[in-house]
PDB file of N, CA and C in Angstrom:
ATOM      1  N   UNK A   1      16.758  -4.840  -7.608  1.00  0.00           N
ATOM      2  CA  UNK A   1      16.587  -3.438  -7.912  1.00  0.00           C
ATOM      3  C   UNK A   1      16.863  -2.656  -6.622  1.00  0.00           C
ATOM      4  N   UNK A   2      17.765  -1.705  -6.675  1.00  0.00           N
ATOM      5  CA  UNK A   2      18.089  -0.922  -5.470  1.00  0.00           C
ATOM      6  C   UNK A   2      16.886  -0.091  -5.005  1.00  0.00           C
ATOM      7  N   UNK A   3      16.807   0.078  -3.703  1.00  0.00           N
ATOM      8  CA  UNK A   3      15.717   0.867  -3.138  1.00  0.00           C
ATOM      9  C   UNK A   3      16.250   1.710  -1.991  1.00  0.00           C
ATOM     10  N   UNK A   4      15.507   2.763  -1.694  1.00  0.00           N
ATOM     11  CA  UNK A   4      15.888   3.708  -0.653  1.00  0.00           C
ATOM     12  C   UNK A   4      14.690   3.956   0.251  1.00  0.00           C
ATOM     13  N   UNK A   5      14.943   4.053   1.566  1.00  0.00           N
ATOM     14  CA  UNK A   5      13.871   4.396   2.498  1.00  0.00           C
ATOM     15  C   UNK A   5      13.549   5.880   2.387  1.00  0.00           C
ATOM     16  N   UNK A   6      12.251   6.188   2.311  1.00  0.00           N
ATOM     17  CA  UNK A   6      11.756   7.563   2.232  1.00  0.00           C
ATOM     18  C   UNK A   6      10.754   7.791   3.353  1.00  0.00           C
ATOM     19  N   UNK A   7      10.712   8.994   3.928  1.00  0.00           N
ATOM     20  CA  UNK A   7       9.694   9.288   4.943  1.00  0.00           C
ATOM     21  C   UNK A   7       8.302   9.231   4.330  1.00  0.00           C
ATOM     22  N   UNK A   8       7.351   8.678   5.090  1.00  0.00           N
ATOM     23  CA  UNK A   8       5.972   8.573   4.616  1.00  0.00           C
ATOM     24  C   UNK A   8       5.023   9.385   5.491  1.00  0.00           C
ATOM     25  N   UNK A   9       4.988   9.114   6.801  1.00  0.00           N
ATOM     26  CA  UNK A   9       4.103   9.842   7.708  1.00  0.00           C
ATOM     27  C   UNK A   9       4.555   9.586   9.140  1.00  0.00           C
ATOM     28  N   UNK A  10       3.984  10.327  10.064  1.00  0.00           N
ATOM     29  CA  UNK A  10       4.198  10.044  11.484  1.00  0.00           C
ATOM     30  C   UNK A  10       3.463   8.748  11.817  1.00  0.00           C
ATOM     31  N   UNK A  11       4.066   7.927  12.634  1.00  0.00           N
ATOM     32  CA  UNK A  11       3.441   6.654  12.992  1.00  0.00           C
ATOM     33  C   UNK A  11       2.085   6.857  13.658  1.00  0.00           C
ATOM     34  N   UNK A  12       1.953   7.906  14.465  1.00  0.00           N
ATOM     35  CA  UNK A  12       0.684   8.149  15.162  1.00  0.00           C
ATOM     36  C   UNK A  12      -0.402   8.720  14.246  1.00  0.00           C
ATOM     37  N   UNK A  13      -0.077   8.988  12.974  1.00  0.00           N
ATOM     38  CA  UNK A  13      -1.091   9.459  12.012  1.00  0.00           C
ATOM     39  C   UNK A  13      -1.955   8.310  11.503  1.00  0.00           C
ATOM     40  N   UNK A  14      -1.512   7.068  11.738  1.00  0.00           N
ATOM     41  CA  UNK A  14      -2.239   5.894  11.268  1.00  0.00           C
ATOM     42  C   UNK A  14      -2.921   5.207  12.433  1.00  0.00           C
ATOM     43  N   UNK A  15      -4.241   5.343  12.509  1.00  0.00           N
ATOM     44  CA  UNK A  15      -5.016   4.636  13.514  1.00  0.00           C
ATOM     45  C   UNK A  15      -5.241   3.192  13.094  1.00  0.00           C
ATOM     46  N   UNK A  16      -5.782   2.401  14.000  1.00  0.00           N
ATOM     47  CA  UNK A  16      -6.079   0.997  13.703  1.00  0.00           C
ATOM     48  C   UNK A  16      -7.089   0.903  12.564  1.00  0.00           C
ATOM     49  N   UNK A  17      -6.839  -0.032  11.643  1.00  0.00           N
ATOM     50  CA  UNK A  17      -7.678  -0.262  10.457  1.00  0.00           C
ATOM     51  C   UNK A  17      -7.853   1.007   9.619  1.00  0.00           C
ATOM     52  N   UNK A  18      -6.729   1.679   9.402  1.00  0.00           N
ATOM     53  CA  UNK A  18      -6.690   2.919   8.627  1.00  0.00           C
ATOM     54  C   UNK A  18      -5.592   2.807   7.575  1.00  0.00           C
ATOM     55  N   UNK A  19      -5.766   3.499   6.446  1.00  0.00           N
ATOM     56  CA  UNK A  19      -4.768   3.530   5.378  1.00  0.00           C
ATOM     57  C   UNK A  19      -4.562   4.959   4.902  1.00  0.00           C
ATOM     58  N   UNK A  20      -3.349   5.261   4.484  1.00  0.00           N
ATOM     59  CA  UNK A  20      -3.002   6.562   3.914  1.00  0.00           C
ATOM     60  C   UNK A  20      -2.246   6.329   2.613  1.00  0.00           C
ATOM     61  N   UNK A  21      -2.435   7.217   1.643  1.00  0.00           N
ATOM     62  CA  UNK A  21      -1.734   7.115   0.368  1.00  0.00           C
ATOM     63  C   UNK A  21      -0.873   8.329   0.109  1.00  0.00           C
ATOM     64  N   UNK A  22       0.224   8.127  -0.626  1.00  0.00           N
ATOM     65  CA  UNK A  22       1.123   9.226  -1.009  1.00  0.00           C
ATOM     66  C   UNK A  22       1.973   8.778  -2.200  1.00  0.00           C
ATOM     67  N   UNK A  23       2.489   9.739  -2.938  1.00  0.00           N
ATOM     68  CA  UNK A  23       3.423   9.454  -4.029  1.00  0.00           C
ATOM     69  C   UNK A  23       4.846   9.585  -3.491  1.00  0.00           C
ATOM     70  N   UNK A  24       5.672   8.570  -3.737  1.00  0.00           N
ATOM     71  CA  UNK A  24       7.068   8.600  -3.335  1.00  0.00           C
ATOM     72  C   UNK A  24       7.908   8.149  -4.520  1.00  0.00           C
ATOM     73  N   UNK A  25       8.775   9.021  -5.009  1.00  0.00           N
ATOM     74  CA  UNK A  25       9.669   8.711  -6.121  1.00  0.00           C
ATOM     75  C   UNK A  25       8.909   8.160  -7.328  1.00  0.00           C
ATOM     76  N   UNK A  26       7.716   8.689  -7.590  1.00  0.00           N
ATOM     77  CA  UNK A  26       6.908   8.271  -8.726  1.00  0.00           C
ATOM     78  C   UNK A  26       6.041   7.054  -8.457  1.00  0.00           C
ATOM     79  N   UNK A  27       6.151   6.460  -7.276  1.00  0.00           N
ATOM     80  CA  UNK A  27       5.371   5.265  -6.918  1.00  0.00           C
ATOM     81  C   UNK A  27       4.171   5.667  -6.077  1.00  0.00           C
ATOM     82  N   UNK A  28       2.969   5.156  -6.414  1.00  0.00           N
ATOM     83  CA  UNK A  28       1.810   5.378  -5.550  1.00  0.00           C
ATOM     84  C   UNK A  28       1.900   4.386  -4.380  1.00  0.00           C
ATOM     85  N   UNK A  29       2.072   4.888  -3.187  1.00  0.00           N
ATOM     86  CA  UNK A  29       2.296   4.047  -2.010  1.00  0.00           C
ATOM     87  C   UNK A  29       1.125   4.187  -1.046  1.00  0.00           C
ATOM     88  N   UNK A  30       0.729   3.065  -0.465  1.00  0.00           N
ATOM     89  CA  UNK A  30      -0.269   3.046   0.591  1.00  0.00           C
ATOM     90  C   UNK A  30       0.362   2.373   1.797  1.00  0.00           C
ATOM     91  N   UNK A  31       0.148   2.958   2.962  1.00  0.00           N
ATOM     92  CA  UNK A  31       0.547   2.333   4.223  1.00  0.00           C
ATOM     93  C   UNK A  31      -0.725   2.160   5.040  1.00  0.00           C
ATOM     94  N   UNK A  32      -0.899   0.955   5.572  1.00  0.00           N
ATOM     95  CA  UNK A  32      -2.085   0.639   6.371  1.00  0.00           C
ATOM     96  C   UNK A  32      -1.660   0.048   7.710  1.00  0.00           C
ATOM     97  N   UNK A  33      -2.511   0.272   8.709  1.00  0.00           N
ATOM     98  CA  UNK A  33      -2.310  -0.346  10.019  1.00  0.00           C
ATOM     99  C   UNK A  33      -3.503  -1.258  10.286  1.00  0.00           C
ATOM    100  N   UNK A  34      -3.195  -2.505  10.667  1.00  0.00           N
ATOM    101  CA  UNK A  34      -4.232  -3.460  11.036  1.00  0.00           C
ATOM    102  C   UNK A  34      -3.634  -4.457  12.012  1.00  0.00           C
ATOM    103  N   UNK A  35      -4.387  -4.798  13.020  1.00  0.00           N
ATOM    104  CA  UNK A  35      -3.967  -5.708  14.072  1.00  0.00           C
ATOM    105  C   UNK A  35      -2.589  -5.322  14.617  1.00  0.00           C
ATOM    106  N   UNK A  36      -2.432  -4.006  14.837  1.00  0.00           N
ATOM    107  CA  UNK A  36      -1.232  -3.406  15.431  1.00  0.00           C
ATOM    108  C   UNK A  36       0.033  -3.602  14.596  1.00  0.00           C
ATOM    109  N   UNK A  37      -0.138  -3.856  13.291  1.00  0.00           N
ATOM    110  CA  UNK A  37       0.989  -3.990  12.375  1.00  0.00           C
ATOM    111  C   UNK A  37       0.860  -2.939  11.275  1.00  0.00           C
ATOM    112  N   UNK A  38       1.993  -2.555  10.696  1.00  0.00           N
ATOM    113  CA  UNK A  38       2.012  -1.637   9.562  1.00  0.00           C
ATOM    114  C   UNK A  38       2.400  -2.396   8.300  1.00  0.00           C
ATOM    115  N   UNK A  39       1.773  -2.016   7.188  1.00  0.00           N
ATOM    116  CA  UNK A  39       2.014  -2.652   5.898  1.00  0.00           C
ATOM    117  C   UNK A  39       2.159  -1.566   4.839  1.00  0.00           C
ATOM    118  N   UNK A  40       3.066  -1.765   3.884  1.00  0.00           N
ATOM    119  CA  UNK A  40       3.247  -0.826   2.774  1.00  0.00           C
ATOM    120  C   UNK A  40       3.100  -1.588   1.460  1.00  0.00           C
ATOM    121  N   UNK A  41       2.385  -0.983   0.503  1.00  0.00           N
ATOM    122  CA  UNK A  41       2.120  -1.646  -0.772  1.00  0.00           C
ATOM    123  C   UNK A  41       1.773  -0.594  -1.820  1.00  0.00           C
ATOM    124  N   UNK A  42       1.765  -1.019  -3.090  1.00  0.00           N
ATOM    125  CA  UNK A  42       1.379  -0.121  -4.182  1.00  0.00           C
ATOM    126  C   UNK A  42      -0.086   0.254  -4.003  1.00  0.00           C
ATOM    127  N   UNK A  43      -0.371   1.545  -4.088  1.00  0.00           N
ATOM    128  CA  UNK A  43      -1.725   2.064  -3.899  1.00  0.00           C
ATOM    129  C   UNK A  43      -2.502   1.986  -5.209  1.00  0.00           C
ATOM    130  N   UNK A  44      -2.641   0.750  -5.716  1.00  0.00           N
ATOM    131  CA  UNK A  44      -3.349   0.544  -6.982  1.00  0.00           C
ATOM    132  C   UNK A  44      -3.908  -0.869  -7.000  1.00  0.00           C
ATOM    133  N   UNK A  45      -5.211  -0.987  -7.078  1.00  0.00           N
ATOM    134  CA  UNK A  45      -5.869  -2.289  -7.139  1.00  0.00           C
ATOM    135  C   UNK A  45      -5.489  -2.986  -8.443  1.00  0.00           C
ATOM    136  N   UNK A  46      -5.123  -4.247  -8.348  1.00  0.00           N
ATOM    137  CA  UNK A  46      -4.750  -4.982  -9.566  1.00  0.00           C
ATOM    138  C   UNK A  46      -5.978  -5.468 -10.340  1.00  0.00           C
ATOM    139  N   UNK A  47      -7.164  -5.282  -9.786  1.00  0.00           N
ATOM    140  CA  UNK A  47      -8.398  -5.653 -10.490  1.00  0.00           C
ATOM    141  C   UNK A  47      -8.801  -4.573 -11.486  1.00  0.00           C
ATOM    142  N   UNK A  48      -8.911  -3.323 -11.000  1.00  0.00           N
ATOM    143  CA  UNK A  48      -9.417  -2.280 -11.889  1.00  0.00           C
ATOM    144  C   UNK A  48      -8.696  -0.942 -11.719  1.00  0.00           C
ATOM    145  N   UNK A  49      -7.470  -0.979 -11.197  1.00  0.00           N
ATOM    146  CA  UNK A  49      -6.577   0.181 -11.123  1.00  0.00           C
ATOM    147  C   UNK A  49      -7.031   1.303 -10.192  1.00  0.00           C
ATOM    148  N   UNK A  50      -8.021   1.081  -9.362  1.00  0.00           N
ATOM    149  CA  UNK A  50      -8.451   2.095  -8.405  1.00  0.00           C
ATOM    150  C   UNK A  50      -7.402   2.238  -7.306  1.00  0.00           C
ATOM    151  N   UNK A  51      -7.317   3.412  -6.700  1.00  0.00           N
ATOM    152  CA  UNK A  51      -6.461   3.547  -5.530  1.00  0.00           C
ATOM    153  C   UNK A  51      -7.100   2.785  -4.369  1.00  0.00           C
ATOM    154  N   UNK A  52      -6.262   2.322  -3.449  1.00  0.00           N
ATOM    155  CA  UNK A  52      -6.735   1.505  -2.339  1.00  0.00           C
ATOM    156  C   UNK A  52      -6.808   2.239  -1.010  1.00  0.00           C
ATOM    157  N   UNK A  53      -6.176   3.406  -0.903  1.00  0.00           N
ATOM    158  CA  UNK A  53      -6.085   4.049   0.417  1.00  0.00           C
ATOM    159  C   UNK A  53      -7.449   4.449   1.001  1.00  0.00           C
ATOM    160  N   UNK A  54      -8.490   4.529   0.191  1.00  0.00           N
ATOM    161  CA  UNK A  54      -9.835   4.804   0.710  1.00  0.00           C
ATOM    162  C   UNK A  54     -10.630   3.524   0.972  1.00  0.00           C
ATOM    163  N   UNK A  55      -9.977   2.372   0.793  1.00  0.00           N
ATOM    164  CA  UNK A  55     -10.649   1.100   0.986  1.00  0.00           C
ATOM    165  C   UNK A  55     -10.788   0.736   2.458  1.00  0.00           C
ATOM    166  N   UNK A  56     -11.598  -0.264   2.710  1.00  0.00           N
ATOM    167  CA  UNK A  56     -11.847  -0.752   4.072  1.00  0.00           C
ATOM    168  C   UNK A  56     -10.696  -1.656   4.494  1.00  0.00           C
ATOM    169  N   UNK A  57     -10.124  -1.376   5.664  1.00  0.00           N
ATOM    170  CA  UNK A  57      -9.039  -2.174   6.222  1.00  0.00           C
ATOM    171  C   UNK A  57      -9.577  -2.920   7.435  1.00  0.00           C
ATOM    172  N   UNK A  58      -9.324  -4.236   7.487  1.00  0.00           N
ATOM    173  CA  UNK A  58      -9.767  -5.052   8.614  1.00  0.00           C
ATOM    174  C   UNK A  58      -9.050  -6.394   8.577  1.00  0.00           C
ATOM    175  N   UNK A  59      -8.615  -6.857   9.731  1.00  0.00           N
ATOM    176  CA  UNK A  59      -8.006  -8.191   9.870  1.00  0.00           C
ATOM    177  C   UNK A  59      -6.881  -8.417   8.875  1.00  0.00           C
ATOM    178  N   UNK A  60      -6.002  -7.435   8.742  1.00  0.00           N
ATOM    179  CA  UNK A  60      -4.833  -7.513   7.847  1.00  0.00           C
ATOM    180  C   UNK A  60      -5.227  -7.729   6.392  1.00  0.00           C
ATOM    181  N   UNK A  61      -6.362  -7.105   6.003  1.00  0.00           N
ATOM    182  CA  UNK A  61      -6.840  -7.142   4.626  1.00  0.00           C
ATOM    183  C   UNK A  61      -7.278  -5.739   4.234  1.00  0.00           C
ATOM    184  N   UNK A  62      -7.265  -5.497   2.922  1.00  0.00           N
ATOM    185  CA  UNK A  62      -7.819  -4.234   2.419  1.00  0.00           C
ATOM    186  C   UNK A  62      -8.775  -4.571   1.284  1.00  0.00           C
ATOM    187  N   UNK A  63      -9.874  -3.807   1.236  1.00  0.00           N
ATOM    188  CA  UNK A  63     -10.897  -4.000   0.208  1.00  0.00           C
ATOM    189  C   UNK A  63     -10.923  -2.773  -0.682  1.00  0.00           C
ATOM    190  N   UNK A  64     -10.855  -2.989  -1.977  1.00  0.00           N
ATOM    191  CA  UNK A  64     -10.898  -1.898  -2.946  1.00  0.00           C
ATOM    192  C   UNK A  64     -12.238  -1.169  -2.836  1.00  0.00           C
ATOM    193  N   UNK A  65     -12.216   0.167  -2.763  1.00  0.00           N
ATOM    194  CA  UNK A  65     -13.465   0.909  -2.636  1.00  0.00           C
ATOM    195  C   UNK A  65     -14.295   0.938  -3.925  1.00  0.00           C
ATOM    196  N   UNK A  66     -13.702   0.575  -5.056  1.00  0.00           N
ATOM    197  CA  UNK A  66     -14.414   0.663  -6.329  1.00  0.00           C
ATOM    198  C   UNK A  66     -15.288  -0.572  -6.605  1.00  0.00           C
ATOM    199  N   UNK A  67     -14.694  -1.749  -6.564  1.00  0.00           N
ATOM    200  CA  UNK A  67     -15.447  -2.959  -6.892  1.00  0.00           C
ATOM    201  C   UNK A  67     -15.375  -4.046  -5.824  1.00  0.00           C
ATOM    202  N   UNK A  68     -14.701  -3.784  -4.698  1.00  0.00           N
ATOM    203  CA  UNK A  68     -14.701  -4.736  -3.592  1.00  0.00           C
ATOM    204  C   UNK A  68     -13.642  -5.818  -3.640  1.00  0.00           C
ATOM    205  N   UNK A  69     -12.690  -5.766  -4.579  1.00  0.00           N
ATOM    206  CA  UNK A  69     -11.611  -6.761  -4.586  1.00  0.00           C
ATOM    207  C   UNK A  69     -10.870  -6.672  -3.251  1.00  0.00           C
ATOM    208  N   UNK A  70     -10.509  -7.833  -2.689  1.00  0.00           N
ATOM    209  CA  UNK A  70      -9.841  -7.863  -1.385  1.00  0.00           C
ATOM    210  C   UNK A  70      -8.439  -8.455  -1.517  1.00  0.00           C
ATOM    211  N   UNK A  71      -7.525  -7.941  -0.681  1.00  0.00           N
ATOM    212  CA  UNK A  71      -6.132  -8.371  -0.713  1.00  0.00           C
ATOM    213  C   UNK A  71      -5.601  -8.545   0.701  1.00  0.00           C
ATOM    214  N   UNK A  72      -4.734  -9.547   0.862  1.00  0.00           N
ATOM    215  CA  UNK A  72      -4.035  -9.761   2.129  1.00  0.00           C
ATOM    216  C   UNK A  72      -2.939  -8.711   2.258  1.00  0.00           C
ATOM    217  N   UNK A  73      -2.870  -8.053   3.407  1.00  0.00           N
ATOM    218  CA  UNK A  73      -1.800  -7.086   3.636  1.00  0.00           C
ATOM    219  C   UNK A  73      -0.485  -7.773   3.987  1.00  0.00           C
ATOM    220  N   UNK A  74      -0.544  -9.006   4.450  1.00  0.00           N
ATOM    221  CA  UNK A  74       0.681  -9.709   4.821  1.00  0.00           C
ATOM    222  C   UNK A  74       1.388 -10.335   3.621  1.00  0.00           C
ATOM    223  N   UNK A  75       0.616 -10.766   2.610  1.00  0.00           N
ATOM    224  CA  UNK A  75       1.222 -11.418   1.441  1.00  0.00           C
ATOM    225  C   UNK A  75       0.996 -10.656   0.137  1.00  0.00           C
ATOM    226  N   UNK A  76      -0.003  -9.786   0.094  1.00  0.00           N
ATOM    227  CA  UNK A  76      -0.382  -9.087  -1.137  1.00  0.00           C
ATOM    228  C   UNK A  76      -1.339  -9.880  -2.008  1.00  0.00           C
ATOM    229  N   UNK A  77      -1.576 -11.158  -1.675  1.00  0.00           N
ATOM    230  CA  UNK A  77      -2.417 -12.031  -2.500  1.00  0.00           C
ATOM    231  C   UNK A  77      -3.867 -11.565  -2.513  1.00  0.00           C
ATOM    232  N   UNK A  78      -4.532 -11.784  -3.658  1.00  0.00           N
ATOM    233  CA  UNK A  78      -5.966 -11.485  -3.728  1.00  0.00           C
ATOM    234  C   UNK A  78      -6.724 -12.545  -2.943  1.00  0.00           C
ATOM    235  N   UNK A  79      -7.860 -12.140  -2.390  1.00  0.00           N
ATOM    236  CA  UNK A  79      -8.696 -13.038  -1.593  1.00  0.00           C
ATOM    237  C   UNK A  79     -10.022 -13.178  -2.319  1.00  0.00           C
ATOM    238  N   UNK A  80     -10.337 -14.379  -2.738  1.00  0.00           N
ATOM    239  CA  UNK A  80     -11.613 -14.626  -3.390  1.00  0.00           C
ATOM    240  C   UNK A  80     -11.681 -14.145  -4.823  1.00  0.00           C
ATOM    241  N   UNK A  81     -10.564 -13.859  -5.441  1.00  0.00           N
ATOM    242  CA  UNK A  81     -10.526 -13.419  -6.837  1.00  0.00           C
ATOM    243  C   UNK A  81      -9.224 -13.877  -7.471  1.00  0.00           C
ATOM    244  N   UNK A  82      -9.162 -13.813  -8.764  1.00  0.00           N
ATOM    245  CA  UNK A  82      -7.959 -14.248  -9.482  1.00  0.00           C
ATOM    246  C   UNK A  82      -7.159 -13.051  -9.978  1.00  0.00           C
ATOM    247  N   UNK A  83      -6.919 -12.091  -9.097  1.00  0.00           N
ATOM    248  CA  UNK A  83      -6.199 -10.873  -9.461  1.00  0.00           C
ATOM    249  C   UNK A  83      -4.731 -11.014  -9.098  1.00  0.00           C
ATOM    250  N   UNK A  84      -3.893 -10.261  -9.792  1.00  0.00           N
ATOM    251  CA  UNK A  84      -2.464 -10.244  -9.451  1.00  0.00           C
ATOM    252  C   UNK A  84      -2.297  -9.757  -8.017  1.00  0.00           C
ATOM    253  N   UNK A  85      -1.269 -10.245  -7.327  1.00  0.00           N
ATOM    254  CA  UNK A  85      -1.032  -9.771  -5.963  1.00  0.00           C
ATOM    255  C   UNK A  85      -0.544  -8.322  -5.958  1.00  0.00           C
ATOM    256  N   UNK A  86      -0.731  -7.663  -4.833  1.00  0.00           N
ATOM    257  CA  UNK A  86      -0.203  -6.320  -4.648  1.00  0.00           C
ATOM    258  C   UNK A  86       1.303  -6.386  -4.467  1.00  0.00           C
ATOM    259  N   UNK A  87       1.999  -5.380  -4.955  1.00  0.00           N
ATOM    260  CA  UNK A  87       3.438  -5.267  -4.692  1.00  0.00           C
ATOM    261  C   UNK A  87       3.601  -4.700  -3.291  1.00  0.00           C
ATOM    262  N   UNK A  88       4.351  -5.413  -2.454  1.00  0.00           N
ATOM    263  CA  UNK A  88       4.592  -4.988  -1.081  1.00  0.00           C
ATOM    264  C   UNK A  88       5.953  -4.308  -0.975  1.00  0.00           C
ATOM    265  N   UNK A  89       6.077  -3.422   0.003  1.00  0.00           N
ATOM    266  CA  UNK A  89       7.330  -2.720   0.258  1.00  0.00           C
ATOM    267  C   UNK A  89       7.746  -2.918   1.708  1.00  0.00           C
ATOM    268  N   UNK A  90       9.042  -2.893   1.942  1.00  0.00           N
ATOM    269  CA  UNK A  90       9.559  -2.905   3.310  1.00  0.00           C
ATOM    270  C   UNK A  90       9.296  -1.545   3.929  1.00  0.00           C
ATOM    271  N   UNK A  91       9.102  -1.544   5.240  1.00  0.00           N
ATOM    272  CA  UNK A  91       8.985  -0.269   5.944  1.00  0.00           C
ATOM    273  C   UNK A  91       9.656  -0.400   7.295  1.00  0.00           C
ATOM    274  N   UNK A  92       9.892   0.746   7.906  1.00  0.00           N
ATOM    275  CA  UNK A  92      10.466   0.786   9.241  1.00  0.00           C
ATOM    276  C   UNK A  92       9.980   2.036   9.935  1.00  0.00           C
ATOM    277  N   UNK A  93      10.055   2.013  11.253  1.00  0.00           N
ATOM    278  CA  UNK A  93       9.705   3.188  12.050  1.00  0.00           C
ATOM    279  C   UNK A  93      10.971   3.682  12.736  1.00  0.00           C
ATOM    280  N   UNK A  94      11.277   4.953  12.511  1.00  0.00           N
ATOM    281  CA  UNK A  94      12.460   5.568  13.092  1.00  0.00           C
ATOM    282  C   UNK A  94      12.027   6.846  13.805  1.00  0.00           C
ATOM    283  N   UNK A  95      12.200   6.879  15.112  1.00  0.00           N
ATOM    284  CA  UNK A  95      11.840   8.058  15.915  1.00  0.00           C
ATOM    285  C   UNK A  95      10.409   8.519  15.646  1.00  0.00           C
ATOM    286  N   UNK A  96       9.472   7.561  15.535  1.00  0.00           N
ATOM    287  CA  UNK A  96       8.065   7.889  15.344  1.00  0.00           C
ATOM    288  C   UNK A  96       7.666   8.191  13.914  1.00  0.00           C
ATOM    289  N   UNK A  97       8.601   8.054  12.973  1.00  0.00           N
ATOM    290  CA  UNK A  97       8.330   8.332  11.564  1.00  0.00           C
ATOM    291  C   UNK A  97       8.322   7.027  10.779  1.00  0.00           C
ATOM    292  N   UNK A  98       7.274   6.795   9.991  1.00  0.00           N
ATOM    293  CA  UNK A  98       7.212   5.621   9.118  1.00  0.00           C
ATOM    294  C   UNK A  98       7.995   5.932   7.853  1.00  0.00           C
ATOM    295  N   UNK A  99       8.932   5.045   7.521  1.00  0.00           N
ATOM    296  CA  UNK A  99       9.715   5.169   6.295  1.00  0.00           C
ATOM    297  C   UNK A  99       9.460   3.940   5.435  1.00  0.00           C
ATOM    298  N   UNK A 100       9.313   4.146   4.121  1.00  0.00           N
ATOM    299  CA  UNK A 100       9.030   3.064   3.182  1.00  0.00           C
ATOM    300  C   UNK A 100      10.195   2.937   2.204  1.00  0.00           C
ATOM    301  N   UNK A 101      10.647   1.698   1.972  1.00  0.00           N
ATOM    302  CA  UNK A 101      11.717   1.436   1.007  1.00  0.00           C
ATOM    303  C   UNK A 101      11.101   1.340  -0.387  1.00  0.00           C
ATOM    304  N   UNK A 102      11.403   2.324  -1.218  1.00  0.00           N
ATOM    305  CA  UNK A 102      10.834   2.425  -2.565  1.00  0.00           C
ATOM    306  C   UNK A 102      11.957   2.234  -3.579  1.00  0.00           C
ATOM    307  N   UNK A 103      11.705   1.480  -4.665  1.00  0.00           N
ATOM    308  CA  UNK A 103      12.727   1.317  -5.698  1.00  0.00           C
ATOM    309  C   UNK A 103      13.230   2.667  -6.198  1.00  0.00           C
ATOM    310  N   UNK A 104      14.524   2.686  -6.528  1.00  0.00           N
ATOM    311  CA  UNK A 104      15.124   3.917  -7.046  1.00  0.00           C
ATOM    312  C   UNK A 104      14.709   4.181  -8.494  1.00  0.00           C
ATOM    313  N   UNK A 105      14.170   3.165  -9.162  1.00  0.00           N
ATOM    314  CA  UNK A 105      13.695   3.332 -10.536  1.00  0.00           C
ATOM    315  C   UNK A 105      12.197   3.654 -10.524  1.00  0.00           C
ATOM    316  N   UNK A 106      11.738   4.262 -11.571  1.00  0.00           N
ATOM    317  CA  UNK A 106      10.319   4.607 -11.699  1.00  0.00           C
ATOM    318  C   UNK A 106       9.493   3.341 -11.899  1.00  0.00           C
ATOM    319  N   UNK A 107       8.206   3.362 -11.540  1.00  0.00           N
ATOM    320  CA  UNK A 107       7.368   2.178 -11.706  1.00  0.00           C
ATOM    321  C   UNK A 107       7.064   1.889 -13.163  1.00  0.00           C
ATOM    322  N   UNK A 108       6.805   0.612 -13.443  1.00  0.00           N
ATOM    323  CA  UNK A 108       6.338   0.209 -14.768  1.00  0.00           C
ATOM    324  C   UNK A 108       4.857   0.514 -14.883  1.00  0.00           C
ATOM    325  N   UNK A 109       4.274   0.338 -16.056  1.00  0.00           N
ATOM    326  CA  UNK A 109       2.863   0.680 -16.257  1.00  0.00           C
ATOM    327  C   UNK A 109       1.914  -0.051 -15.313  1.00  0.00           C
ATOM    328  N   UNK A 110       2.261  -1.274 -14.902  1.00  0.00           N
ATOM    329  CA  UNK A 110       1.392  -2.026 -14.008  1.00  0.00           C
ATOM    330  C   UNK A 110       1.331  -1.438 -12.598  1.00  0.00           C
ATOM    331  N   UNK A 111       2.272  -0.567 -12.272  1.00  0.00           N
ATOM    332  CA  UNK A 111       2.303   0.037 -10.950  1.00  0.00           C
ATOM    333  C   UNK A 111       2.130   1.554 -10.970  1.00  0.00           C
ATOM    334  N   UNK A 112       2.042   2.147 -12.134  1.00  0.00           N
ATOM    335  CA  UNK A 112       1.866   3.600 -12.201  1.00  0.00           C
ATOM    336  C   UNK A 112       0.533   3.990 -11.594  1.00  0.00           C
ATOM    337  N   UNK A 113       0.467   5.224 -11.088  1.00  0.00           N
ATOM    338  CA  UNK A 113      -0.789   5.676 -10.476  1.00  0.00           C
ATOM    339  C   UNK A 113      -1.952   5.608 -11.446  1.00  0.00           C
ATOM    340  N   UNK A 114      -3.115   5.300 -10.895  1.00  0.00           N
ATOM    341  CA  UNK A 114      -4.341   5.269 -11.685  1.00  0.00           C
ATOM    342  C   UNK A 114      -4.658   6.679 -12.160  1.00  0.00           C
ATOM    343  N   UNK A 115      -5.121   6.801 -13.369  1.00  0.00           N
ATOM    344  CA  UNK A 115      -5.516   8.102 -13.923  1.00  0.00           C
ATOM    345  C   UNK A 115      -7.037   8.187 -13.875  1.00  0.00           C
ATOM    346  N   UNK A 116      -7.525   9.385 -13.745  1.00  0.00           N
ATOM    347  CA  UNK A 116      -8.967   9.466 -13.823  1.00  0.00           C
ATOM    348  C   UNK A 116      -9.509  10.447 -12.962  1.00  0.00           C
TER     349      UNK A 116
END
């Protein structure tokens, strides 16, 4: 599926163990920084559809703020639960700007933003 890089935020807007969420081309995207690395993924918990950008970030993991489901930021895999993995996205930093590669097609229902 073709994808295009889109601007997300300034790199210095993300402190250590911090996450930010935004909509890009219809996709709910979260970018997190942990252990001096940046990660991009769908901003939707696969356990109960909550957004993840308000979750706790630590040691390259994110914890859902709603029910505590945890996911690896490096692989997207759930930790300690049998939930579907998070969809990960490529990202790059260009002149201090974080850009995320988002599919050119709209997300399917499993990736659409949580309603509520």
